[in-house]
Amino acid sequence: MPVYEYRCKKCGYQFERIQKMSEPPERRCERCGGSVAKLISSSGLMFKGAGWYVTDYSKKLKEDKKEKNGEKDKKEAAKPATSSNKPPDK
């Protein structure tokens, strides 16, 4: 359910209400009983997960990652092989 903000025209008190979209708006201030105005406020919407960011669809970034991974593979292939089957020195 959405959160609506109201401000009293008489005393300036500001408050929030969680209401269904089908419910009628508040008309009176909970403090002084004066009339209220509905405010326009920022939404509390949050996008999470893949697909919401520019970087998720950037071909250039994907190509850069592939190139970097290729460089790592080349570096690891150039390292001398070590055997871990040796018994420990005593």
Protein backbone atom coordinates (compact mmCIF):
# COMPACT_ATOMS: atom_id res chain seq x y z
CA MET A 1 0.00 0.00 0.00
CA PRO A 2 1.23 3.50 -0.77
CA VAL A 3 2.25 6.03 1.87
CA TYR A 4 0.61 9.45 1.51
CA GLU A 5 1.87 12.63 3.15
CA TYR A 6 -0.39 15.45 4.33
CA ARG A 7 0.24 18.95 5.73
CA CYS A 8 -2.22 20.90 7.82
CA LYS A 9 -3.13 24.28 6.32
CA LYS A 10 -3.83 25.71 9.77
CA CYS A 11 -0.97 24.56 12.04
CA GLY A 12 1.56 23.24 9.48
CA TYR A 13 1.73 19.77 11.05
CA GLN A 14 2.92 17.16 8.55
CA PHE A 15 1.97 13.46 8.82
CA GLU A 16 1.88 10.25 6.80
CA ARG A 17 -0.85 7.69 6.21
CA ILE A 18 -0.64 4.21 4.72
CA GLN A 19 -3.78 3.95 2.63
CA LYS A 20 -5.19 1.92 -0.21
CA MET A 21 -5.42 3.82 -3.47
CA SER A 22 -9.20 3.34 -3.36
CA GLU A 23 -9.56 4.97 0.10
CA PRO A 24 -10.65 8.62 0.29
CA PRO A 25 -7.87 11.07 1.23
CA GLU A 26 -7.57 12.51 4.73
CA ARG A 27 -9.48 15.76 5.22
CA ARG A 28 -8.66 16.84 8.79
CA CYS A 29 -5.46 17.31 10.79
CA GLU A 30 -5.01 14.80 13.58
CA ARG A 31 -3.66 17.53 15.92
CA CYS A 32 -5.84 20.60 15.45
CA GLY A 33 -8.67 19.43 13.18
CA GLY A 34 -7.79 21.92 10.42
CA SER A 35 -8.04 21.04 6.75
CA VAL A 36 -5.08 19.25 5.15
CA ALA A 37 -3.43 19.22 1.73
CA LYS A 38 -2.01 16.08 0.16
CA LEU A 39 1.70 16.48 -0.61
CA ILE A 40 3.66 15.18 -3.55
CA SER A 41 6.61 13.21 -2.25
CA SER A 42 9.36 10.98 -3.59
CA SER A 43 8.56 7.33 -3.92
CA GLY A 44 10.12 4.64 -1.79
CA LEU A 45 10.56 2.36 -4.78
CA MET A 46 13.77 0.35 -4.84
CA PHE A 47 15.01 -1.74 -7.76
CA LYS A 48 17.09 -4.77 -6.82
CA GLY A 49 18.55 -7.56 -8.88
CA ALA A 50 19.95 -7.90 -12.37
CA GLY A 51 18.58 -5.92 -15.26
CA TRP A 52 18.07 -2.56 -13.56
CA TYR A 53 21.45 -0.99 -14.14
CA VAL A 54 23.16 0.37 -17.24
CA THR A 55 26.14 -1.87 -16.53
CA ASP A 56 23.97 -4.98 -16.89
CA TYR A 57 23.52 -4.33 -20.60
CA SER A 58 26.79 -2.70 -21.52
CA LYS A 59 28.54 -4.64 -24.30
CA LYS A 60 31.75 -2.69 -23.77
CA LEU A 61 32.01 -3.70 -20.12
CA LYS A 62 31.40 -7.35 -20.99
CA GLU A 63 34.13 -7.22 -23.64
CA ASP A 64 36.54 -5.60 -21.17
CA LYS A 65 35.86 -8.34 -18.64
CA LYS A 66 36.54 -11.03 -21.24
CA GLU A 67 39.84 -9.37 -22.17
CA LYS A 68 40.90 -9.12 -18.52
CA ASN A 69 40.00 -12.77 -17.92
CA GLY A 70 42.01 -13.75 -21.01
CA GLU A 71 45.05 -11.89 -19.65
CA LYS A 72 44.76 -13.73 -16.33
CA ASP A 73 44.63 -17.08 -18.11
CA LYS A 74 47.79 -16.19 -20.08
CA LYS A 75 49.64 -15.18 -16.89
CA GLU A 76 48.66 -18.37 -15.07
CA ALA A 77 49.69 -20.50 -18.07
CA ALA A 78 53.15 -18.85 -18.03
CA LYS A 79 53.78 -19.79 -14.37
CA PRO A 80 55.90 -22.89 -13.80
CA ALA A 81 53.95 -25.91 -12.70
CA THR A 82 54.40 -26.96 -9.08
CA SER A 83 53.77 -30.38 -7.74
CA SER A 84 51.85 -30.69 -4.53
CA ASN A 85 52.39 -34.46 -4.36
CA LYS A 86 55.79 -34.11 -2.67
CA PRO A 87 56.03 -35.33 0.92
CA PRO A 88 56.74 -32.52 3.37
CA ASP A 89 60.42 -31.93 4.30
CA LYS A 90 61.42 -33.01 7.79
